[in-house]
PDB file of N, CA and C in Angstrom:
ATOM      1  N   UNK A   1     114.870  47.709  96.038  1.00  0.00           N
ATOM      2  CA  UNK A   1     113.769  48.373  96.691  1.00  0.00           C
ATOM      3  C   UNK A   1     112.496  48.035  95.925  1.00  0.00           C
ATOM      4  N   UNK A   2     111.475  47.626  96.632  1.00  0.00           N
ATOM      5  CA  UNK A   2     110.181  47.313  96.025  1.00  0.00           C
ATOM      6  C   UNK A   2     109.110  48.131  96.723  1.00  0.00           C
ATOM      7  N   UNK A   3     108.315  48.855  95.936  1.00  0.00           N
ATOM      8  CA  UNK A   3     107.233  49.675  96.496  1.00  0.00           C
ATOM      9  C   UNK A   3     105.946  49.330  95.766  1.00  0.00           C
ATOM     10  N   UNK A   4     104.853  49.382  96.496  1.00  0.00           N
ATOM     11  CA  UNK A   4     103.557  49.196  95.858  1.00  0.00           C
ATOM     12  C   UNK A   4     102.531  50.102  96.512  1.00  0.00           C
ATOM     13  N   UNK A   5     101.571  50.523  95.716  1.00  0.00           N
ATOM     14  CA  UNK A   5     100.475  51.326  96.236  1.00  0.00           C
ATOM     15  C   UNK A   5      99.225  51.001  95.431  1.00  0.00           C
ATOM     16  N   UNK A   6      98.077  51.159  96.060  1.00  0.00           N
ATOM     17  CA  UNK A   6      96.815  50.867  95.392  1.00  0.00           C
ATOM     18  C   UNK A   6      95.797  51.943  95.736  1.00  0.00           C
ATOM     19  N   UNK A   7      94.957  52.244  94.771  1.00  0.00           N
ATOM     20  CA  UNK A   7      93.876  53.196  94.957  1.00  0.00           C
ATOM     21  C   UNK A   7      92.582  52.501  94.570  1.00  0.00           C
ATOM     22  N   UNK A   8      91.642  52.458  95.487  1.00  0.00           N
ATOM     23  CA  UNK A   8      90.295  51.954  95.220  1.00  0.00           C
ATOM     24  C   UNK A   8      89.346  53.121  95.387  1.00  0.00           C
ATOM     25  N   UNK A   9      88.530  53.368  94.354  1.00  0.00           N
ATOM     26  CA  UNK A   9      87.592  54.477  94.438  1.00  0.00           C
ATOM     27  C   UNK A   9      86.208  53.998  94.010  1.00  0.00           C
ATOM     28  N   UNK A  10      85.237  54.013  94.948  1.00  0.00           N
ATOM     29  CA  UNK A  10      83.871  53.630  94.561  1.00  0.00           C
ATOM     30  C   UNK A  10      83.301  54.645  93.575  1.00  0.00           C
ATOM     31  N   UNK A  11      82.584  54.165  92.595  1.00  0.00           N
ATOM     32  CA  UNK A  11      81.972  55.024  91.592  1.00  0.00           C
ATOM     33  C   UNK A  11      80.463  55.110  91.834  1.00  0.00           C
ATOM     34  N   UNK A  12      79.851  56.138  91.271  1.00  0.00           N
ATOM     35  CA  UNK A  12      78.441  56.430  91.537  1.00  0.00           C
ATOM     36  C   UNK A  12      77.498  55.275  91.189  1.00  0.00           C
ATOM     37  N   UNK A  13      77.823  54.475  90.181  1.00  0.00           N
ATOM     38  CA  UNK A  13      76.918  53.401  89.760  1.00  0.00           C
ATOM     39  C   UNK A  13      77.227  52.053  90.418  1.00  0.00           C
ATOM     40  N   UNK A  14      78.036  52.062  91.476  1.00  0.00           N
ATOM     41  CA  UNK A  14      78.340  50.826  92.205  1.00  0.00           C
ATOM     42  C   UNK A  14      79.601  50.118  91.735  1.00  0.00           C
ATOM     43  N   UNK A  15      80.197  50.560  90.655  1.00  0.00           N
ATOM     44  CA  UNK A  15      81.457  49.968  90.197  1.00  0.00           C
ATOM     45  C   UNK A  15      82.601  50.561  91.004  1.00  0.00           C
ATOM     46  N   UNK A  16      83.791  49.986  90.838  1.00  0.00           N
ATOM     47  CA  UNK A  16      84.957  50.438  91.599  1.00  0.00           C
ATOM     48  C   UNK A  16      86.119  50.683  90.636  1.00  0.00           C
ATOM     49  N   UNK A  17      86.785  51.816  90.782  1.00  0.00           N
ATOM     50  CA  UNK A  17      88.008  52.094  90.031  1.00  0.00           C
ATOM     51  C   UNK A  17      89.175  51.584  90.868  1.00  0.00           C
ATOM     52  N   UNK A  18      90.086  50.851  90.236  1.00  0.00           N
ATOM     53  CA  UNK A  18      91.250  50.296  90.931  1.00  0.00           C
ATOM     54  C   UNK A  18      92.495  50.633  90.136  1.00  0.00           C
ATOM     55  N   UNK A  19      93.448  51.295  90.766  1.00  0.00           N
ATOM     56  CA  UNK A  19      94.729  51.625  90.139  1.00  0.00           C
ATOM     57  C   UNK A  19      95.823  51.113  91.073  1.00  0.00           C
ATOM     58  N   UNK A  20      96.736  50.315  90.553  1.00  0.00           N
ATOM     59  CA  UNK A  20      97.841  49.786  91.355  1.00  0.00           C
ATOM     60  C   UNK A  20      99.160  50.174  90.695  1.00  0.00           C
ATOM     61  N   UNK A  21     100.133  50.517  91.509  1.00  0.00           N
ATOM     62  CA  UNK A  21     101.473  50.838  91.030  1.00  0.00           C
ATOM     63  C   UNK A  21     102.468  49.973  91.788  1.00  0.00           C
ATOM     64  N   UNK A  22     103.357  49.341  91.049  1.00  0.00           N
ATOM     65  CA  UNK A  22     104.435  48.556  91.632  1.00  0.00           C
ATOM     66  C   UNK A  22     105.732  49.103  91.069  1.00  0.00           C
ATOM     67  N   UNK A  23     106.685  49.338  91.916  1.00  0.00           N
ATOM     68  CA  UNK A  23     107.975  49.872  91.471  1.00  0.00           C
ATOM     69  C   UNK A  23     109.088  49.041  92.091  1.00  0.00           C
ATOM     70  N   UNK A  24     110.020  48.639  91.252  1.00  0.00           N
ATOM     71  CA  UNK A  24     111.179  47.896  91.724  1.00  0.00           C
ATOM     72  C   UNK A  24     112.424  48.569  91.196  1.00  0.00           C
ATOM     73  N   UNK A  25     113.306  48.938  92.093  1.00  0.00           N
ATOM     74  CA  UNK A  25     114.594  49.507  91.732  1.00  0.00           C
ATOM     75  C   UNK A  25     115.662  48.501  92.126  1.00  0.00           C
ATOM     76  N   UNK A  26     116.188  47.816  91.138  1.00  0.00           N
ATOM     77  CA  UNK A  26     117.228  46.823  91.396  1.00  0.00           C
ATOM     78  C   UNK A  26     118.015  46.614  90.115  1.00  0.00           C
ATOM     79  N   UNK A  27     119.296  46.373  90.233  1.00  0.00           N
ATOM     80  CA  UNK A  27     120.081  46.104  89.026  1.00  0.00           C
ATOM     81  C   UNK A  27     119.674  44.758  88.430  1.00  0.00           C
ATOM     82  N   UNK A  28     119.614  44.696  87.106  1.00  0.00           N
ATOM     83  CA  UNK A  28     119.253  43.435  86.456  1.00  0.00           C
ATOM     84  C   UNK A  28     120.344  42.383  86.606  1.00  0.00           C
ATOM     85  N   UNK A  29     121.523  42.800  87.014  1.00  0.00           N
ATOM     86  CA  UNK A  29     122.607  41.839  87.211  1.00  0.00           C
ATOM     87  C   UNK A  29     122.311  40.930  88.402  1.00  0.00           C
ATOM     88  N   UNK A  30     121.511  41.412  89.342  1.00  0.00           N
ATOM     89  CA  UNK A  30     121.162  40.604  90.514  1.00  0.00           C
ATOM     90  C   UNK A  30     120.211  39.489  90.090  1.00  0.00           C
ATOM     91  N   UNK A  31     120.438  38.308  90.596  1.00  0.00           N
ATOM     92  CA  UNK A  31     119.578  37.171  90.266  1.00  0.00           C
ATOM     93  C   UNK A  31     118.597  36.892  91.395  1.00  0.00           C
ATOM     94  N   UNK A  32     117.820  37.892  91.749  1.00  0.00           N
ATOM     95  CA  UNK A  32     116.792  37.751  92.773  1.00  0.00           C
ATOM     96  C   UNK A  32     115.447  37.880  92.070  1.00  0.00           C
ATOM     97  N   UNK A  33     114.751  36.761  91.894  1.00  0.00           N
ATOM     98  CA  UNK A  33     113.535  36.756  91.101  1.00  0.00           C
ATOM     99  C   UNK A  33     112.277  36.579  91.951  1.00  0.00           C
ATOM    100  N   UNK A  34     112.347  36.978  93.209  1.00  0.00           N
ATOM    101  CA  UNK A  34     111.161  36.873  94.069  1.00  0.00           C
ATOM    102  C   UNK A  34     110.091  37.880  93.671  1.00  0.00           C
ATOM    103  N   UNK A  35     110.492  39.047  93.175  1.00  0.00           N
ATOM    104  CA  UNK A  35     109.535  40.106  92.849  1.00  0.00           C
ATOM    105  C   UNK A  35     109.550  40.497  91.372  1.00  0.00           C
ATOM    106  N   UNK A  36     110.434  39.919  90.573  1.00  0.00           N
ATOM    107  CA  UNK A  36     110.511  40.262  89.153  1.00  0.00           C
ATOM    108  C   UNK A  36     110.738  38.978  88.368  1.00  0.00           C
ATOM    109  N   UNK A  37     109.916  38.694  87.359  1.00  0.00           N
ATOM    110  CA  UNK A  37     110.032  37.431  86.622  1.00  0.00           C
ATOM    111  C   UNK A  37     111.381  37.273  85.910  1.00  0.00           C
ATOM    112  N   UNK A  38     111.953  36.098  86.041  1.00  0.00           N
ATOM    113  CA  UNK A  38     113.253  35.800  85.431  1.00  0.00           C
ATOM    114  C   UNK A  38     113.212  36.001  83.906  1.00  0.00           C
ATOM    115  N   UNK A  39     112.151  35.543  83.254  1.00  0.00           N
ATOM    116  CA  UNK A  39     112.053  35.670  81.798  1.00  0.00           C
ATOM    117  C   UNK A  39     112.090  37.136  81.360  1.00  0.00           C
ATOM    118  N   UNK A  40     111.404  38.001  82.096  1.00  0.00           N
ATOM    119  CA  UNK A  40     111.426  39.426  81.753  1.00  0.00           C
ATOM    120  C   UNK A  40     112.809  40.028  81.997  1.00  0.00           C
ATOM    121  N   UNK A  41     113.479  39.596  83.049  1.00  0.00           N
ATOM    122  CA  UNK A  41     114.829  40.089  83.332  1.00  0.00           C
ATOM    123  C   UNK A  41     115.788  39.690  82.213  1.00  0.00           C
ATOM    124  N   UNK A  42     115.656  38.481  81.704  1.00  0.00           N
ATOM    125  CA  UNK A  42     116.526  38.024  80.618  1.00  0.00           C
ATOM    126  C   UNK A  42     116.304  38.861  79.356  1.00  0.00           C
ATOM    127  N   UNK A  43     115.057  39.166  79.044  1.00  0.00           N
ATOM    128  CA  UNK A  43     114.754  40.003  77.875  1.00  0.00           C
ATOM    129  C   UNK A  43     115.301  41.412  78.086  1.00  0.00           C
ATOM    130  N   UNK A  44     115.106  41.955  79.282  1.00  0.00           N
ATOM    131  CA  UNK A  44     115.579  43.310  79.582  1.00  0.00           C
ATOM    132  C   UNK A  44     117.098  43.391  79.491  1.00  0.00           C
ATOM    133  N   UNK A  45     117.787  42.377  79.965  1.00  0.00           N
ATOM    134  CA  UNK A  45     119.259  42.351  79.845  1.00  0.00           C
ATOM    135  C   UNK A  45     119.679  42.319  78.381  1.00  0.00           C
ATOM    136  N   UNK A  46     119.078  41.416  77.610  1.00  0.00           N
ATOM    137  CA  UNK A  46     119.459  41.257  76.201  1.00  0.00           C
ATOM    138  C   UNK A  46     119.171  42.521  75.396  1.00  0.00           C
ATOM    139  N   UNK A  47     118.087  43.215  75.717  1.00  0.00           N
ATOM    140  CA  UNK A  47     117.716  44.426  74.990  1.00  0.00           C
ATOM    141  C   UNK A  47     118.369  45.674  75.562  1.00  0.00           C
ATOM    142  N   UNK A  48     119.123  45.528  76.636  1.00  0.00           N
ATOM    143  CA  UNK A  48     119.820  46.632  77.289  1.00  0.00           C
ATOM    144  C   UNK A  48     118.842  47.713  77.757  1.00  0.00           C
ATOM    145  N   UNK A  49     117.747  47.282  78.377  1.00  0.00           N
ATOM    146  CA  UNK A  49     116.736  48.215  78.875  1.00  0.00           C
ATOM    147  C   UNK A  49     117.232  48.882  80.150  1.00  0.00           C
ATOM    148  N   UNK A  50     117.153  50.199  80.178  1.00  0.00           N
ATOM    149  CA  UNK A  50     117.564  50.963  81.351  1.00  0.00           C
ATOM    150  C   UNK A  50     116.391  51.158  82.308  1.00  0.00           C
ATOM    151  N   UNK A  51     115.202  51.371  81.744  1.00  0.00           N
ATOM    152  CA  UNK A  51     114.016  51.656  82.552  1.00  0.00           C
ATOM    153  C   UNK A  51     112.808  51.267  81.725  1.00  0.00           C
ATOM    154  N   UNK A  52     111.772  50.721  82.380  1.00  0.00           N
ATOM    155  CA  UNK A  52     110.569  50.384  81.631  1.00  0.00           C
ATOM    156  C   UNK A  52     109.331  50.530  82.489  1.00  0.00           C
ATOM    157  N   UNK A  53     108.210  50.739  81.807  1.00  0.00           N
ATOM    158  CA  UNK A  53     106.909  50.830  82.460  1.00  0.00           C
ATOM    159  C   UNK A  53     105.940  49.987  81.654  1.00  0.00           C
ATOM    160  N   UNK A  54     105.244  49.084  82.326  1.00  0.00           N
ATOM    161  CA  UNK A  54     104.301  48.184  81.681  1.00  0.00           C
ATOM    162  C   UNK A  54     102.948  48.356  82.348  1.00  0.00           C
ATOM    163  N   UNK A  55     101.894  48.543  81.555  1.00  0.00           N
ATOM    164  CA  UNK A  55     100.562  48.680  82.139  1.00  0.00           C
ATOM    165  C   UNK A  55      99.559  47.834  81.367  1.00  0.00           C
ATOM    166  N   UNK A  56      98.568  47.339  82.085  1.00  0.00           N
ATOM    167  CA  UNK A  56      97.449  46.596  81.510  1.00  0.00           C
ATOM    168  C   UNK A  56      96.172  47.224  82.054  1.00  0.00           C
ATOM    169  N   UNK A  57      95.236  47.522  81.186  1.00  0.00           N
ATOM    170  CA  UNK A  57      93.962  48.065  81.645  1.00  0.00           C
ATOM    171  C   UNK A  57      92.822  47.344  80.953  1.00  0.00           C
ATOM    172  N   UNK A  58      91.657  47.421  81.574  1.00  0.00           N
ATOM    173  CA  UNK A  58      90.476  46.763  81.024  1.00  0.00           C
ATOM    174  C   UNK A  58      89.300  47.721  81.105  1.00  0.00           C
ATOM    175  N   UNK A  59      88.465  47.715  80.102  1.00  0.00           N
ATOM    176  CA  UNK A  59      87.258  48.531  80.115  1.00  0.00           C
ATOM    177  C   UNK A  59      87.516  49.960  79.663  1.00  0.00           C
ATOM    178  N   UNK A  60      86.459  50.703  79.532  1.00  0.00           N
ATOM    179  CA  UNK A  60      86.543  52.104  79.113  1.00  0.00           C
ATOM    180  C   UNK A  60      86.048  52.997  80.239  1.00  0.00           C
ATOM    181  N   UNK A  61      86.681  54.147  80.360  1.00  0.00           N
ATOM    182  CA  UNK A  61      86.299  55.101  81.403  1.00  0.00           C
ATOM    183  C   UNK A  61      85.119  55.926  80.896  1.00  0.00           C
ATOM    184  N   UNK A  62      84.055  55.995  81.689  1.00  0.00           N
ATOM    185  CA  UNK A  62      82.861  56.747  81.322  1.00  0.00           C
ATOM    186  C   UNK A  62      82.928  58.118  82.009  1.00  0.00           C
ATOM    187  N   UNK A  63      83.414  59.108  81.291  1.00  0.00           N
ATOM    188  CA  UNK A  63      83.610  60.453  81.855  1.00  0.00           C
ATOM    189  C   UNK A  63      82.294  61.073  82.319  1.00  0.00           C
ATOM    190  N   UNK A  64      81.207  60.822  81.585  1.00  0.00           N
ATOM    191  CA  UNK A  64      79.906  61.414  81.957  1.00  0.00           C
ATOM    192  C   UNK A  64      79.405  60.890  83.302  1.00  0.00           C
ATOM    193  N   UNK A  65      79.607  59.618  83.558  1.00  0.00           N
ATOM    194  CA  UNK A  65      79.102  59.021  84.799  1.00  0.00           C
ATOM    195  C   UNK A  65      80.059  59.183  85.972  1.00  0.00           C
ATOM    196  N   UNK A  66      81.375  59.104  85.695  1.00  0.00           N
ATOM    197  CA  UNK A  66      82.343  59.016  86.796  1.00  0.00           C
ATOM    198  C   UNK A  66      83.250  60.235  86.936  1.00  0.00           C
ATOM    199  N   UNK A  67      83.180  61.169  85.991  1.00  0.00           N
ATOM    200  CA  UNK A  67      84.079  62.318  86.054  1.00  0.00           C
ATOM    201  C   UNK A  67      85.469  61.959  85.570  1.00  0.00           C
ATOM    202  N   UNK A  68      86.466  62.651  86.088  1.00  0.00           N
ATOM    203  CA  UNK A  68      87.861  62.393  85.674  1.00  0.00           C
ATOM    204  C   UNK A  68      88.370  61.095  86.272  1.00  0.00           C
ATOM    205  N   UNK A  69      89.212  60.361  85.531  1.00  0.00           N
ATOM    206  CA  UNK A  69      89.776  59.119  86.080  1.00  0.00           C
ATOM    207  C   UNK A  69      90.789  59.421  87.175  1.00  0.00           C
ATOM    208  N   UNK A  70      91.085  58.426  88.019  1.00  0.00           N
ATOM    209  CA  UNK A  70      92.085  58.627  89.068  1.00  0.00           C
ATOM    210  C   UNK A  70      93.456  58.954  88.471  1.00  0.00           C
ATOM    211  N   UNK A  71      94.259  59.633  89.229  1.00  0.00           N
ATOM    212  CA  UNK A  71      95.624  59.941  88.798  1.00  0.00           C
ATOM    213  C   UNK A  71      96.362  58.625  88.552  1.00  0.00           C
ATOM    214  N   UNK A  72      97.092  58.570  87.470  1.00  0.00           N
ATOM    215  CA  UNK A  72      97.854  57.365  87.156  1.00  0.00           C
ATOM    216  C   UNK A  72      97.104  56.382  86.284  1.00  0.00           C
ATOM    217  N   UNK A  73      95.843  56.657  85.955  1.00  0.00           N
ATOM    218  CA  UNK A  73      95.086  55.760  85.083  1.00  0.00           C
ATOM    219  C   UNK A  73      95.702  55.782  83.685  1.00  0.00           C
ATOM    220  N   UNK A  74      95.681  54.658  83.018  1.00  0.00           N
ATOM    221  CA  UNK A  74      96.294  54.503  81.690  1.00  0.00           C
ATOM    222  C   UNK A  74      95.228  54.252  80.641  1.00  0.00           C
ATOM    223  N   UNK A  75      95.568  54.375  79.354  1.00  0.00           N
ATOM    224  CA  UNK A  75      94.611  54.076  78.293  1.00  0.00           C
ATOM    225  C   UNK A  75      94.260  52.582  78.261  1.00  0.00           C
ATOM    226  N   UNK A  76      93.184  52.246  77.582  1.00  0.00           N
ATOM    227  CA  UNK A  76      92.713  50.863  77.505  1.00  0.00           C
ATOM    228  C   UNK A  76      93.727  49.985  76.771  1.00  0.00           C
ATOM    229  N   UNK A  77      93.961  48.801  77.285  1.00  0.00           N
ATOM    230  CA  UNK A  77      94.834  47.825  76.643  1.00  0.00           C
ATOM    231  C   UNK A  77      96.151  47.670  77.375  1.00  0.00           C
ATOM    232  N   UNK A  78      97.151  47.230  76.652  1.00  0.00           N
ATOM    233  CA  UNK A  78      98.491  47.051  77.209  1.00  0.00           C
ATOM    234  C   UNK A  78      99.393  48.135  76.634  1.00  0.00           C
ATOM    235  N   UNK A  79     100.301  48.624  77.463  1.00  0.00           N
ATOM    236  CA  UNK A  79     101.212  49.686  77.036  1.00  0.00           C
ATOM    237  C   UNK A  79     102.582  49.406  77.641  1.00  0.00           C
ATOM    238  N   UNK A  80     103.617  49.509  76.828  1.00  0.00           N
ATOM    239  CA  UNK A  80     104.989  49.312  77.300  1.00  0.00           C
ATOM    240  C   UNK A  80     105.832  50.497  76.843  1.00  0.00           C
ATOM    241  N   UNK A  81     106.486  51.128  77.800  1.00  0.00           N
ATOM    242  CA  UNK A  81     107.437  52.203  77.532  1.00  0.00           C
ATOM    243  C   UNK A  81     108.788  51.723  78.039  1.00  0.00           C
ATOM    244  N   UNK A  82     109.839  51.991  77.283  1.00  0.00           N
ATOM    245  CA  UNK A  82     111.171  51.591  77.724  1.00  0.00           C
ATOM    246  C   UNK A  82     112.200  52.601  77.243  1.00  0.00           C
ATOM    247  N   UNK A  83     113.251  52.763  78.042  1.00  0.00           N
ATOM    248  CA  UNK A  83     114.419  53.517  77.603  1.00  0.00           C
ATOM    249  C   UNK A  83     115.589  52.539  77.642  1.00  0.00           C
ATOM    250  N   UNK A  84     116.547  52.775  76.785  1.00  0.00           N
ATOM    251  CA  UNK A  84     117.627  51.816  76.596  1.00  0.00           C
ATOM    252  C   UNK A  84     118.976  52.433  76.919  1.00  0.00           C
ATOM    253  N   UNK A  85     119.909  51.567  77.323  1.00  0.00           N
ATOM    254  CA  UNK A  85     121.296  51.984  77.500  1.00  0.00           C
ATOM    255  C   UNK A  85     121.890  52.248  76.121  1.00  0.00           C
ATOM    256  N   UNK A  86     123.070  52.812  76.075  1.00  0.00           N
ATOM    257  CA  UNK A  86     123.744  53.102  74.804  1.00  0.00           C
ATOM    258  C   UNK A  86     123.833  51.842  73.952  1.00  0.00           C
ATOM    259  N   UNK A  87     123.963  52.037  72.646  1.00  0.00           N
ATOM    260  CA  UNK A  87     124.027  50.916  71.711  1.00  0.00           C
ATOM    261  C   UNK A  87     125.131  49.940  72.106  1.00  0.00           C
ATOM    262  N   UNK A  88     124.877  48.647  71.953  1.00  0.00           N
ATOM    263  CA  UNK A  88     125.882  47.647  72.306  1.00  0.00           C
ATOM    264  C   UNK A  88     127.082  47.702  71.364  1.00  0.00           C
ATOM    265  N   UNK A  89     128.175  47.147  71.817  1.00  0.00           N
ATOM    266  CA  UNK A  89     129.371  47.098  70.965  1.00  0.00           C
ATOM    267  C   UNK A  89     129.126  46.127  69.825  1.00  0.00           C
ATOM    268  N   UNK A  90     129.969  46.167  68.823  1.00  0.00           N
ATOM    269  CA  UNK A  90     129.799  45.290  67.659  1.00  0.00           C
ATOM    270  C   UNK A  90     130.034  43.828  68.014  1.00  0.00           C
ATOM    271  N   UNK A  91     130.615  43.555  69.181  1.00  0.00           N
ATOM    272  CA  UNK A  91     130.858  42.168  69.582  1.00  0.00           C
ATOM    273  C   UNK A  91     129.567  41.453  69.997  1.00  0.00           C
ATOM    274  N   UNK A  92     128.552  42.202  70.398  1.00  0.00           N
ATOM    275  CA  UNK A  92     127.318  41.597  70.863  1.00  0.00           C
ATOM    276  C   UNK A  92     126.398  41.308  69.678  1.00  0.00           C
ATOM    277  N   UNK A  93     125.874  40.077  69.560  1.00  0.00           N
ATOM    278  CA  UNK A  93     124.976  39.784  68.437  1.00  0.00           C
ATOM    279  C   UNK A  93     123.661  40.550  68.579  1.00  0.00           C
ATOM    280  N   UNK A  94     123.034  40.925  67.460  1.00  0.00           N
ATOM    281  CA  UNK A  94     121.770  41.669  67.533  1.00  0.00           C
ATOM    282  C   UNK A  94     120.642  40.788  68.055  1.00  0.00           C
ATOM    283  N   UNK A  95     119.609  41.437  68.581  1.00  0.00           N
ATOM    284  CA  UNK A  95     118.427  40.701  69.025  1.00  0.00           C
ATOM    285  C   UNK A  95     117.689  40.195  67.805  1.00  0.00           C
ATOM    286  N   UNK A  96     117.053  39.049  67.929  1.00  0.00           N
ATOM    287  CA  UNK A  96     116.276  38.519  66.815  1.00  0.00           C
ATOM    288  C   UNK A  96     115.021  37.873  67.355  1.00  0.00           C
ATOM    289  N   UNK A  97     114.108  37.570  66.465  1.00  0.00           N
ATOM    290  CA  UNK A  97     112.868  36.890  66.828  1.00  0.00           C
ATOM    291  C   UNK A  97     113.182  35.405  66.949  1.00  0.00           C
ATOM    292  N   UNK A  98     113.159  34.891  68.174  1.00  0.00           N
ATOM    293  CA  UNK A  98     113.534  33.497  68.388  1.00  0.00           C
ATOM    294  C   UNK A  98     112.546  32.545  67.725  1.00  0.00           C
ATOM    295  N   UNK A  99     111.276  32.930  67.562  1.00  0.00           N
ATOM    296  CA  UNK A  99     110.308  32.043  66.923  1.00  0.00           C
ATOM    297  C   UNK A  99     110.660  31.871  65.451  1.00  0.00           C
ATOM    298  N   UNK A 100     111.174  32.935  64.809  1.00  0.00           N
ATOM    299  CA  UNK A 100     111.565  32.853  63.407  1.00  0.00           C
ATOM    300  C   UNK A 100     112.742  31.912  63.232  1.00  0.00           C
ATOM    301  N   UNK A 101     113.736  31.983  64.150  1.00  0.00           N
ATOM    302  CA  UNK A 101     114.881  31.093  64.019  1.00  0.00           C
ATOM    303  C   UNK A 101     114.500  29.639  64.264  1.00  0.00           C
ATOM    304  N   UNK A 102     113.540  29.404  65.138  1.00  0.00           N
ATOM    305  CA  UNK A 102     113.095  28.025  65.391  1.00  0.00           C
ATOM    306  C   UNK A 102     112.376  27.479  64.159  1.00  0.00           C
ATOM    307  N   UNK A 103     111.547  28.292  63.516  1.00  0.00           N
ATOM    308  CA  UNK A 103     110.810  27.792  62.343  1.00  0.00           C
ATOM    309  C   UNK A 103     111.766  27.574  61.164  1.00  0.00           C
ATOM    310  N   UNK A 104     112.809  28.410  61.042  1.00  0.00           N
ATOM    311  CA  UNK A 104     113.791  28.217  59.975  1.00  0.00           C
ATOM    312  C   UNK A 104     114.574  26.937  60.209  1.00  0.00           C
ATOM    313  N   UNK A 105     114.920  26.659  61.477  1.00  0.00           N
ATOM    314  CA  UNK A 105     115.668  25.445  61.802  1.00  0.00           C
ATOM    315  C   UNK A 105     114.801  24.214  61.547  1.00  0.00           C
ATOM    316  N   UNK A 106     113.501  24.303  61.829  1.00  0.00           N
ATOM    317  CA  UNK A 106     112.605  23.169  61.624  1.00  0.00           C
ATOM    318  C   UNK A 106     112.432  22.889  60.138  1.00  0.00           C
ATOM    319  N   UNK A 107     112.459  23.938  59.313  1.00  0.00           N
ATOM    320  CA  UNK A 107     112.275  23.771  57.880  1.00  0.00           C
ATOM    321  C   UNK A 107     113.510  23.177  57.214  1.00  0.00           C
ATOM    322  N   UNK A 108     114.678  23.330  57.825  1.00  0.00           N
ATOM    323  CA  UNK A 108     115.923  22.860  57.216  1.00  0.00           C
ATOM    324  C   UNK A 108     116.092  21.360  57.301  1.00  0.00           C
TER     325      UNK A 108
END
């Protein structure tokens, strides 16, 4: 299931507030990458992510000029929240920084 919604709100000084929400409910076992990037699905599988929320925002909200921000507005910058499935069994190797392993292999 894929849902999306958008809110556009004109502001008093001619600027526009824009808030978009996209929600996808699908098992990560499915290999359907039309609406969800394959690379992110691979990371989510490896990290055993059960649920996640990712947001990107730009600029600062001017409370004096515009009042309260729209519902669902997030803080400035990037924010990632995730919940995880139970700890993996001892048979599964731990996650590691792949860039570190590549640099160690190059140095050898």
